[in-house]
C-alpha atoms as a PDB file:
ATOM      1  CA  MET A   1      81.330 163.881  38.896  1.00  0.00           C
ATOM      2  CA  LYS A   2      79.357 160.297  38.763  1.00  0.00           C
ATOM      3  CA  ARG A   3      81.844 157.350  37.495  1.00  0.00           C
ATOM      4  CA  ASN A   4      81.575 156.627  34.224  1.00  0.00           C
ATOM      5  CA  THR A   5      79.680 153.355  33.753  1.00  0.00           C
ATOM      6  CA  TRP A   6      78.959 151.340  30.337  1.00  0.00           C
ATOM      7  CA  GLN A   7      75.148 152.510  30.547  1.00  0.00           C
ATOM      8  CA  ARG A   8      76.142 156.363  30.967  1.00  0.00           C
ATOM      9  CA  GLU A   9      78.685 155.968  28.155  1.00  0.00           C
ATOM     10  CA  ALA A  10      75.970 154.423  25.734  1.00  0.00           C
ATOM     11  CA  VAL A  11      73.878 157.180  26.666  1.00  0.00           C
ATOM     12  CA  ARG A  12      76.382 159.406  25.553  1.00  0.00           C
ATOM     13  CA  GLU A  13      77.487 157.933  22.361  1.00  0.00           C
ATOM     14  CA  ALA A  14      73.573 157.730  21.348  1.00  0.00           C
ATOM     15  CA  LEU A  15      73.161 161.276  22.330  1.00  0.00           C
ATOM     16  CA  ALA A  16      76.314 162.166  20.030  1.00  0.00           C
ATOM     17  CA  THR A  17      75.045 160.384  17.247  1.00  0.00           C
ATOM     18  CA  ASN A  18      72.022 162.268  16.783  1.00  0.00           C
ATOM     19  CA  GLU A  19      71.850 165.869  15.030  1.00  0.00           C
ATOM     20  CA  GLY A  20      69.121 167.593  17.480  1.00  0.00           C
ATOM     21  CA  PHE A  21      67.486 166.981  20.402  1.00  0.00           C
ATOM     22  CA  VAL A  22      65.806 164.141  21.457  1.00  0.00           C
ATOM     23  CA  SER A  23      64.099 162.818  24.003  1.00  0.00           C
ATOM     24  CA  ALA A  24      64.622 159.809  26.968  1.00  0.00           C
ATOM     25  CA  GLN A  25      62.346 157.932  25.900  1.00  0.00           C
ATOM     26  CA  SER A  26      63.203 158.028  21.875  1.00  0.00           C
ATOM     27  CA  LEU A  27      66.830 157.487  23.015  1.00  0.00           C
ATOM     28  CA  HIS A  28      66.252 154.587  24.473  1.00  0.00           C
ATOM     29  CA  ASN A  29      64.203 152.992  21.617  1.00  0.00           C
ATOM     30  CA  GLU A  30      67.748 153.626  19.853  1.00  0.00           C
ATOM     31  CA  LEU A  31      69.593 151.782  22.041  1.00  0.00           C
ATOM     32  CA  ARG A  32      66.936 148.698  22.602  1.00  0.00           C
ATOM     33  CA  ASP A  33      67.189 148.615  18.459  1.00  0.00           C
ATOM     34  CA  HIS A  34      70.895 148.698  18.354  1.00  0.00           C
ATOM     35  CA  GLY A  35      71.113 145.728  21.205  1.00  0.00           C
ATOM     36  CA  SER A  36      71.349 146.715  24.875  1.00  0.00           C
ATOM     37  CA  SER A  37      69.476 146.058  27.523  1.00  0.00           C
ATOM     38  CA  ILE A  38      69.634 149.294  29.037  1.00  0.00           C
ATOM     39  CA  GLY A  39      66.720 150.250  31.412  1.00  0.00           C
ATOM     40  CA  LEU A  40      64.001 153.698  30.302  1.00  0.00           C
ATOM     41  CA  ALA A  41      65.067 154.972  34.053  1.00  0.00           C
ATOM     42  CA  THR A  42      68.946 154.879  33.520  1.00  0.00           C
ATOM     43  CA  VAL A  43      68.676 156.619  30.194  1.00  0.00           C
ATOM     44  CA  TYR A  44      66.733 159.188  32.566  1.00  0.00           C
ATOM     45  CA  ARG A  45      69.413 159.289  35.128  1.00  0.00           C
ATOM     46  CA  ALA A  46      72.082 159.643  32.884  1.00  0.00           C
ATOM     47  CA  LEU A  47      70.940 162.192  31.003  1.00  0.00           C
ATOM     48  CA  ALA A  48      69.645 163.947  33.338  1.00  0.00           C
ATOM     49  CA  ASP A  49      73.409 163.877  34.971  1.00  0.00           C
ATOM     50  CA  LEU A  50      75.154 164.438  31.457  1.00  0.00           C
ATOM     51  CA  ALA A  51      73.118 167.703  31.511  1.00  0.00           C
ATOM     52  CA  THR A  52      73.951 168.520  35.079  1.00  0.00           C
ATOM     53  CA  GLU A  53      77.406 168.493  34.194  1.00  0.00           C
ATOM     54  CA  GLY A  54      77.367 170.225  30.841  1.00  0.00           C
ATOM     55  CA  ASP A  55      77.775 167.253  28.570  1.00  0.00           C
ATOM     56  CA  ALA A  56      74.191 167.656  27.098  1.00  0.00           C
ATOM     57  CA  ASP A  57      72.260 170.787  26.487  1.00  0.00           C
ATOM     58  CA  SER A  58      68.518 170.263  28.300  1.00  0.00           C
ATOM     59  CA  LEU A  59      65.342 172.239  27.040  1.00  0.00           C
ATOM     60  CA  GLN A  60      61.658 171.564  26.968  1.00  0.00           C
ATOM     61  CA  SER A  61      59.712 171.476  23.719  1.00  0.00           C
ATOM     62  CA  PRO A  62      56.803 173.588  23.312  1.00  0.00           C
ATOM     63  CA  ASP A  63      54.844 170.021  24.653  1.00  0.00           C
ATOM     64  CA  GLY A  64      56.595 170.371  27.589  1.00  0.00           C
ATOM     65  CA  GLU A  65      58.445 166.928  27.064  1.00  0.00           C
ATOM     66  CA  ALA A  66      62.225 167.131  28.103  1.00  0.00           C
ATOM     67  CA  LEU A  67      64.369 166.822  24.978  1.00  0.00           C
ATOM     68  CA  TYR A  68      68.660 166.682  24.887  1.00  0.00           C
ATOM     69  CA  ARG A  69      71.141 167.198  22.924  1.00  0.00           C
ATOM     70  CA  ALA A  70      74.942 166.137  23.253  1.00  0.00           C
ATOM     71  CA  CYS A  71      76.626 169.927  23.749  1.00  0.00           C
ATOM     72  CA  THR A  72      78.865 171.128  21.422  1.00  0.00           C
ATOM     73  CA  THR A  73      79.687 174.447  23.294  1.00  0.00           C
ATOM     74  CA  SER A  74      81.103 174.977  26.856  1.00  0.00           C
ATOM     75  CA  GLY A  75      79.235 177.934  29.255  1.00  0.00           C
ATOM     76  CA  HIS A  76      75.784 179.398  28.670  1.00  0.00           C
ATOM     77  CA  HIS A  77      74.345 179.567  25.750  1.00  0.00           C
ATOM     78  CA  HIS A  78      71.488 179.723  23.782  1.00  0.00           C
ATOM     79  CA  HIS A  79      69.064 178.100  20.812  1.00  0.00           C
ATOM     80  CA  LEU A  80      67.106 178.499  17.614  1.00  0.00           C
ATOM     81  CA  ILE A  81      65.131 175.699  17.118  1.00  0.00           C
ATOM     82  CA  CYS A  82      62.828 174.805  14.687  1.00  0.00           C
ATOM     83  CA  ARG A  83      59.378 173.321  15.434  1.00  0.00           C
ATOM     84  CA  ARG A  84      59.285 170.990  12.473  1.00  0.00           C
ATOM     85  CA  CYS A  85      62.352 169.372  11.726  1.00  0.00           C
ATOM     86  CA  GLY A  86      64.458 170.346  14.985  1.00  0.00           C
ATOM     87  CA  LEU A  87      66.791 172.147  13.490  1.00  0.00           C
ATOM     88  CA  THR A  88      68.990 174.074  16.323  1.00  0.00           C
ATOM     89  CA  VAL A  89      71.454 176.397  16.235  1.00  0.00           C
ATOM     90  CA  GLU A  90      73.279 177.713  19.171  1.00  0.00           C
ATOM     91  CA  ILE A  91      73.272 181.387  19.661  1.00  0.00           C
ATOM     92  CA  ALA A  92      75.036 184.312  21.735  1.00  0.00           C
ATOM     93  CA  ALA A  93      72.419 186.882  22.860  1.00  0.00           C
ATOM     94  CA  ASP A  94      74.209 189.717  24.649  1.00  0.00           C
ATOM     95  CA  ASP A  95      71.020 191.562  24.753  1.00  0.00           C
ATOM     96  CA  VAL A  96      69.045 188.602  26.068  1.00  0.00           C
ATOM     97  CA  GLU A  97      71.780 188.448  29.429  1.00  0.00           C
ATOM     98  CA  GLN A  98      71.903 192.079  30.081  1.00  0.00           C
ATOM     99  CA  TRP A  99      68.360 192.414  30.161  1.00  0.00           C
ATOM    100  CA  ALA A 100      68.203 189.533  32.627  1.00  0.00           C
ATOM    101  CA  GLN A 101      70.461 190.847  35.135  1.00  0.00           C
ATOM    102  CA  ARG A 102      68.936 194.415  34.727  1.00  0.00           C
ATOM    103  CA  VAL A 103      65.144 193.080  35.319  1.00  0.00           C
ATOM    104  CA  ALA A 104      66.637 190.776  38.424  1.00  0.00           C
ATOM    105  CA  SER A 105      68.431 193.914  40.015  1.00  0.00           C
ATOM    106  CA  ASP A 106      65.143 195.701  39.325  1.00  0.00           C
ATOM    107  CA  HIS A 107      63.806 193.318  41.733  1.00  0.00           C
ATOM    108  CA  GLY A 108      65.986 193.111  44.280  1.00  0.00           C
ATOM    109  CA  PHE A 109      67.047 190.062  43.332  1.00  0.00           C
ATOM    110  CA  THR A 110      70.811 188.427  42.345  1.00  0.00           C
ATOM    111  CA  ASP A 111      72.606 185.308  41.363  1.00  0.00           C
ATOM    112  CA  ALA A 112      69.732 185.307  38.527  1.00  0.00           C
ATOM    113  CA  ARG A 113      70.162 182.643  35.827  1.00  0.00           C
ATOM    114  CA  HIS A 114      67.430 181.579  33.060  1.00  0.00           C
ATOM    115  CA  ILE A 115      66.967 179.749  29.940  1.00  0.00           C
ATOM    116  CA  VAL A 116      65.958 181.127  26.730  1.00  0.00           C
ATOM    117  CA  ASP A 117      64.998 178.897  23.691  1.00  0.00           C
ATOM    118  CA  VAL A 118      63.231 180.539  20.518  1.00  0.00           C
ATOM    119  CA  PHE A 119      61.101 178.280  18.737  1.00  0.00           C
ATOM    120  CA  GLY A 120      60.181 178.801  14.504  1.00  0.00           C
ATOM    121  CA  LEU A 121      60.677 177.665  11.715  1.00  0.00           C
ATOM    122  CA  CYS A 122      64.112 176.718   9.921  1.00  0.00           C
ATOM    123  CA  ALA A 123      64.753 178.520   6.494  1.00  0.00           C
ATOM    124  CA  THR A 124      64.250 175.330   4.721  1.00  0.00           C
ATOM    125  CA  CYS A 125      60.926 174.562   6.373  1.00  0.00           C
ATOM    126  CA  SER A 126      59.494 177.818   6.219  1.00  0.00           C
ATOM    127  CA  ARG A 127      60.344 177.292   2.323  1.00  0.00           C
ATOM    128  CA  ALA A 128      58.581 174.025   2.102  1.00  0.00           C
ATOM    129  CA  SER A 129      55.858 175.506   3.800  1.00  0.00           C
END
C-alpha cells in the first residue's frame, strides 16, 4: 500500500464529490479551480493507485479515455453507464461470470479475469431524446 500524501488525499476527496465517472484531466481542473497546486501527472498516479487498491473504479469511455469514480462496492462488479449524462449503476452479472469462466475453461485458460461495462441511455435521457 502506498503512503497517504496530501495529494493522494486531495484526489480521493475530489473523486468522492463526483457522482459519476470523471477523467483525470477533469478532476485535475476541478482541484486547480479550488486552489490546489497538484500536478496533472500526480493526479494520474493517484487515480491509478486508488484503482489498483480497489478504492476507485476505472473504465474506458467509448472514446477510449480512462475514467474514474470513487468505488462504492468492494469486490468484483460491473456497471451500466449512461452515454449522455454519465449515470452509473453497479450491477451483479452472475450470467456473465459463469460465461467468462466457461469460455476460458473451454480454451484451456485458468485464472480468467474480465471487465464488463454496458453503455446505453438511462431512462431519463431516453425520455429526453
